[in-house]
Amino acid sequence: MNREELHQVLCREGVKPNCYSLEARYSDPSEALCLRQEGSEWLVYYSERGQQTGKRAFQSEAEACVHLLELLRADPTTKIGWSSGFKVPSGA
């Protein structure tokens, strides 16, 4: 799997586009999972306010894409239409 194929899967599965970046280069989006190539390595990490957490390096684009897909599938908040179920009482 490459980034284009991953993008197609994410669109088909209804993952919100602002939850991930497949083109992270100079400036990472905030609060998103990112895929970036640095040299011969492919990195997957969570970006928030310029900080990169949970960073993992892979030797191939395919391995990195599969890992990113697994992370996004495991998080229900990334799906279009997701709702927490939290309701604000009326009159509050």
N, C-alpha and C. Protein backbone atom coordinates (compact mmCIF):
# COMPACT_ATOMS: atom_id res chain seq x y z
N MET A 1 0.85 -1.18 0.00
CA MET A 1 0.00 0.00 0.00
C MET A 1 0.90 1.24 0.00
N ASN A 2 0.51 2.21 -0.82
CA ASN A 2 1.22 3.49 -0.81
C ASN A 2 0.26 4.58 -0.32
N ARG A 3 0.74 5.82 -0.29
CA ARG A 3 -0.09 6.91 0.24
C ARG A 3 -1.36 7.14 -0.57
N GLU A 4 -1.28 7.01 -1.87
CA GLU A 4 -2.48 7.21 -2.70
C GLU A 4 -3.52 6.12 -2.40
N GLU A 5 -3.09 4.89 -2.30
CA GLU A 5 -4.01 3.80 -1.97
C GLU A 5 -4.58 3.98 -0.57
N LEU A 6 -3.74 4.40 0.37
CA LEU A 6 -4.20 4.66 1.74
C LEU A 6 -5.26 5.75 1.73
N HIS A 7 -5.01 6.82 0.99
CA HIS A 7 -5.97 7.92 0.91
C HIS A 7 -7.33 7.42 0.41
N GLN A 8 -7.32 6.57 -0.60
CA GLN A 8 -8.57 6.02 -1.13
C GLN A 8 -9.31 5.19 -0.08
N VAL A 9 -8.58 4.38 0.69
CA VAL A 9 -9.19 3.57 1.75
C VAL A 9 -9.80 4.47 2.82
N LEU A 10 -9.06 5.50 3.22
CA LEU A 10 -9.55 6.40 4.27
C LEU A 10 -10.81 7.14 3.82
N CYS A 11 -10.85 7.55 2.58
CA CYS A 11 -12.06 8.21 2.05
C CYS A 11 -13.23 7.24 2.04
N ARG A 12 -12.99 6.03 1.57
CA ARG A 12 -14.04 5.01 1.49
C ARG A 12 -14.58 4.67 2.88
N GLU A 13 -13.69 4.67 3.90
CA GLU A 13 -14.11 4.30 5.25
C GLU A 13 -14.63 5.49 6.06
N GLY A 14 -14.67 6.66 5.48
CA GLY A 14 -15.25 7.81 6.15
C GLY A 14 -14.40 8.40 7.25
N VAL A 15 -13.09 8.40 7.06
CA VAL A 15 -12.20 9.01 8.05
C VAL A 15 -12.10 10.50 7.73
N LYS A 16 -12.26 11.34 8.75
CA LYS A 16 -12.22 12.80 8.56
C LYS A 16 -10.83 13.22 8.06
N PRO A 17 -10.77 13.99 6.99
CA PRO A 17 -9.48 14.42 6.43
C PRO A 17 -8.60 15.22 7.39
N ASN A 18 -9.20 15.92 8.34
CA ASN A 18 -8.39 16.71 9.27
C ASN A 18 -7.77 15.87 10.38
N CYS A 19 -8.01 14.57 10.39
CA CYS A 19 -7.45 13.68 11.41
C CYS A 19 -6.11 13.09 11.00
N TYR A 20 -5.70 13.33 9.77
CA TYR A 20 -4.44 12.76 9.30
C TYR A 20 -3.79 13.65 8.25
N SER A 21 -2.49 13.43 8.06
CA SER A 21 -1.75 14.11 7.01
C SER A 21 -0.82 13.10 6.35
N LEU A 22 -0.95 12.96 5.06
CA LEU A 22 -0.10 12.04 4.32
C LEU A 22 1.03 12.79 3.62
N GLU A 23 1.06 14.09 3.80
CA GLU A 23 2.06 14.92 3.14
C GLU A 23 2.83 15.78 4.12
N ALA A 24 2.86 15.42 5.39
CA ALA A 24 3.53 16.25 6.40
C ALA A 24 4.98 16.50 5.97
N ARG A 25 5.36 17.76 5.92
CA ARG A 25 6.73 18.09 5.50
C ARG A 25 7.33 19.13 6.43
N TYR A 26 7.00 20.39 6.19
CA TYR A 26 7.65 21.47 6.93
C TYR A 26 6.86 21.88 8.16
N SER A 27 5.56 21.81 8.06
CA SER A 27 4.70 22.23 9.16
C SER A 27 3.61 21.18 9.34
N ASP A 28 3.62 20.53 10.47
CA ASP A 28 2.61 19.50 10.74
C ASP A 28 1.29 20.13 11.12
N PRO A 29 0.19 19.51 10.73
CA PRO A 29 -1.11 19.99 11.21
C PRO A 29 -1.23 19.69 12.70
N SER A 30 -2.07 20.43 13.37
CA SER A 30 -2.26 20.19 14.81
C SER A 30 -3.35 19.14 15.03
N GLU A 31 -3.11 18.28 15.98
CA GLU A 31 -4.05 17.24 16.37
C GLU A 31 -4.37 16.30 15.20
N ALA A 32 -3.33 15.75 14.60
CA ALA A 32 -3.51 14.83 13.48
C ALA A 32 -2.41 13.78 13.48
N LEU A 33 -2.73 12.60 12.97
CA LEU A 33 -1.72 11.58 12.73
C LEU A 33 -1.03 11.91 11.43
N CYS A 34 0.29 11.79 11.41
CA CYS A 34 1.07 12.21 10.25
C CYS A 34 1.93 11.07 9.71
N LEU A 35 2.12 11.11 8.42
CA LEU A 35 3.02 10.20 7.72
C LEU A 35 4.02 11.07 6.99
N ARG A 36 5.30 10.81 7.22
CA ARG A 36 6.34 11.64 6.61
C ARG A 36 7.53 10.78 6.25
N GLN A 37 8.14 11.09 5.12
CA GLN A 37 9.38 10.42 4.74
C GLN A 37 10.55 11.31 5.11
N GLU A 38 11.50 10.74 5.83
CA GLU A 38 12.74 11.45 6.16
C GLU A 38 13.90 10.55 5.77
N GLY A 39 14.61 10.95 4.75
CA GLY A 39 15.68 10.11 4.25
C GLY A 39 15.11 8.80 3.73
N SER A 40 15.64 7.70 4.23
CA SER A 40 15.15 6.39 3.78
C SER A 40 14.07 5.83 4.70
N GLU A 41 13.71 6.57 5.75
CA GLU A 41 12.71 6.09 6.72
C GLU A 41 11.36 6.77 6.49
N TRP A 42 10.32 6.04 6.87
CA TRP A 42 8.97 6.57 6.87
C TRP A 42 8.53 6.68 8.33
N LEU A 43 8.07 7.86 8.72
CA LEU A 43 7.69 8.12 10.10
C LEU A 43 6.17 8.26 10.22
N VAL A 44 5.65 7.71 11.30
CA VAL A 44 4.24 7.88 11.66
C VAL A 44 4.22 8.40 13.08
N TYR A 45 3.46 9.47 13.32
CA TYR A 45 3.41 10.07 14.64
C TYR A 45 2.15 10.93 14.77
N TYR A 46 1.87 11.33 16.01
CA TYR A 46 0.76 12.23 16.29
C TYR A 46 1.34 13.62 16.48
N SER A 47 0.78 14.59 15.81
CA SER A 47 1.24 15.97 15.91
C SER A 47 0.22 16.81 16.66
N GLU A 48 0.73 17.53 17.66
CA GLU A 48 -0.14 18.45 18.41
C GLU A 48 0.68 19.65 18.85
N ARG A 49 0.29 20.81 18.38
CA ARG A 49 0.97 22.06 18.72
C ARG A 49 2.47 21.98 18.48
N GLY A 50 2.85 21.42 17.37
CA GLY A 50 4.26 21.34 17.01
C GLY A 50 5.03 20.20 17.66
N GLN A 51 4.39 19.44 18.52
CA GLN A 51 5.05 18.31 19.19
C GLN A 51 4.70 17.02 18.46
N GLN A 52 5.67 16.15 18.33
CA GLN A 52 5.47 14.85 17.69
C GLN A 52 5.56 13.77 18.76
N THR A 53 4.47 13.04 18.95
CA THR A 53 4.46 11.98 19.97
C THR A 53 4.13 10.64 19.33
N GLY A 54 4.56 9.59 19.99
CA GLY A 54 4.28 8.24 19.52
C GLY A 54 4.97 7.92 18.21
N LYS A 55 6.09 8.58 17.94
CA LYS A 55 6.76 8.43 16.65
C LYS A 55 7.32 7.02 16.48
N ARG A 56 7.03 6.45 15.29
CA ARG A 56 7.59 5.15 14.91
C ARG A 56 8.17 5.26 13.52
N ALA A 57 9.30 4.62 13.32
CA ALA A 57 9.98 4.64 12.03
C ALA A 57 9.81 3.29 11.33
N PHE A 58 9.63 3.35 10.02
CA PHE A 58 9.45 2.15 9.20
C PHE A 58 10.41 2.22 8.03
N GLN A 59 10.78 1.07 7.54
CA GLN A 59 11.71 0.98 6.42
C GLN A 59 11.02 1.11 5.07
N SER A 60 9.70 0.96 5.04
CA SER A 60 8.99 1.06 3.77
C SER A 60 7.73 1.90 3.92
N GLU A 61 7.33 2.49 2.81
CA GLU A 61 6.09 3.26 2.77
C GLU A 61 4.90 2.36 3.09
N ALA A 62 4.92 1.13 2.59
CA ALA A 62 3.81 0.20 2.81
C ALA A 62 3.62 -0.09 4.29
N GLU A 63 4.70 -0.35 5.02
CA GLU A 63 4.59 -0.64 6.45
C GLU A 63 4.03 0.56 7.21
N ALA A 64 4.51 1.75 6.86
CA ALA A 64 4.04 2.97 7.52
C ALA A 64 2.57 3.21 7.23
N CYS A 65 2.15 2.99 6.00
CA CYS A 65 0.75 3.19 5.63
C CYS A 65 -0.17 2.22 6.38
N VAL A 66 0.23 0.97 6.50
CA VAL A 66 -0.57 -0.01 7.22
C VAL A 66 -0.68 0.38 8.69
N HIS A 67 0.41 0.83 9.29
CA HIS A 67 0.37 1.24 10.69
C HIS A 67 -0.55 2.44 10.89
N LEU A 68 -0.44 3.44 10.02
CA LEU A 68 -1.31 4.61 10.13
C LEU A 68 -2.78 4.21 9.97
N LEU A 69 -3.07 3.34 9.03
CA LEU A 69 -4.44 2.86 8.84
C LEU A 69 -4.95 2.16 10.09
N GLU A 70 -4.14 1.33 10.71
CA GLU A 70 -4.54 0.65 11.94
C GLU A 70 -4.84 1.64 13.05
N LEU A 71 -4.02 2.68 13.18
CA LEU A 71 -4.25 3.69 14.22
C LEU A 71 -5.56 4.43 13.98
N LEU A 72 -5.82 4.81 12.75
CA LEU A 72 -7.05 5.54 12.43
C LEU A 72 -8.29 4.66 12.60
N ARG A 73 -8.19 3.40 12.22
CA ARG A 73 -9.33 2.49 12.40
C ARG A 73 -9.63 2.24 13.87
N ALA A 74 -8.62 2.28 14.71
CA ALA A 74 -8.80 2.00 16.13
C ALA A 74 -9.41 3.17 16.91
N ASP A 75 -9.45 4.33 16.30
CA ASP A 75 -9.95 5.53 16.98
C ASP A 75 -11.30 5.95 16.39
N PRO A 76 -12.39 5.68 17.08
CA PRO A 76 -13.72 6.01 16.52
C PRO A 76 -13.94 7.50 16.33
N THR A 77 -13.19 8.35 17.02
CA THR A 77 -13.38 9.79 16.88
C THR A 77 -12.93 10.32 15.53
N THR A 78 -12.22 9.52 14.76
CA THR A 78 -11.74 9.97 13.44
C THR A 78 -12.80 9.80 12.36
N LYS A 79 -13.89 9.14 12.66
CA LYS A 79 -14.91 8.85 11.64
C LYS A 79 -15.88 10.02 11.46
N ILE A 80 -16.23 10.27 10.21
CA ILE A 80 -17.23 11.29 9.90
C ILE A 80 -18.53 10.87 10.56
N GLY A 81 -19.18 11.80 11.24
CA GLY A 81 -20.45 11.51 11.89
C GLY A 81 -20.33 10.97 13.30
N TRP A 82 -19.09 10.81 13.80
CA TRP A 82 -18.91 10.31 15.16
C TRP A 82 -19.49 11.32 16.14
N SER A 83 -20.14 10.81 17.17
CA SER A 83 -20.69 11.65 18.22
C SER A 83 -20.34 11.03 19.55
N SER A 84 -19.99 11.85 20.50
CA SER A 84 -19.58 11.35 21.82
C SER A 84 -20.77 10.79 22.60
N GLY A 85 -21.95 11.22 22.25
CA GLY A 85 -23.13 10.80 23.01
C GLY A 85 -23.37 11.72 24.20
N PHE A 86 -22.44 12.64 24.45
CA PHE A 86 -22.59 13.59 25.55
C PHE A 86 -23.63 14.63 25.17
N LYS A 87 -24.60 14.81 26.04
CA LYS A 87 -25.66 15.76 25.76
C LYS A 87 -25.68 16.83 26.84
N VAL A 88 -25.79 18.06 26.40
CA VAL A 88 -25.91 19.18 27.33
C VAL A 88 -27.37 19.30 27.70
N PRO A 89 -27.68 19.30 29.00
CA PRO A 89 -29.08 19.42 29.41
C PRO A 89 -29.69 20.73 28.90
N SER A 90 -30.93 20.67 28.47
CA SER A 90 -31.58 21.89 28.01
C SER A 90 -31.77 22.84 29.19
N GLY A 91 -31.61 24.12 28.89
CA GLY A 91 -31.74 25.14 29.92
C GLY A 91 -30.46 25.33 30.72
N ALA A 92 -29.39 24.66 30.33
CA ALA A 92 -28.14 24.80 31.07
C ALA A 92 -27.37 26.01 30.63
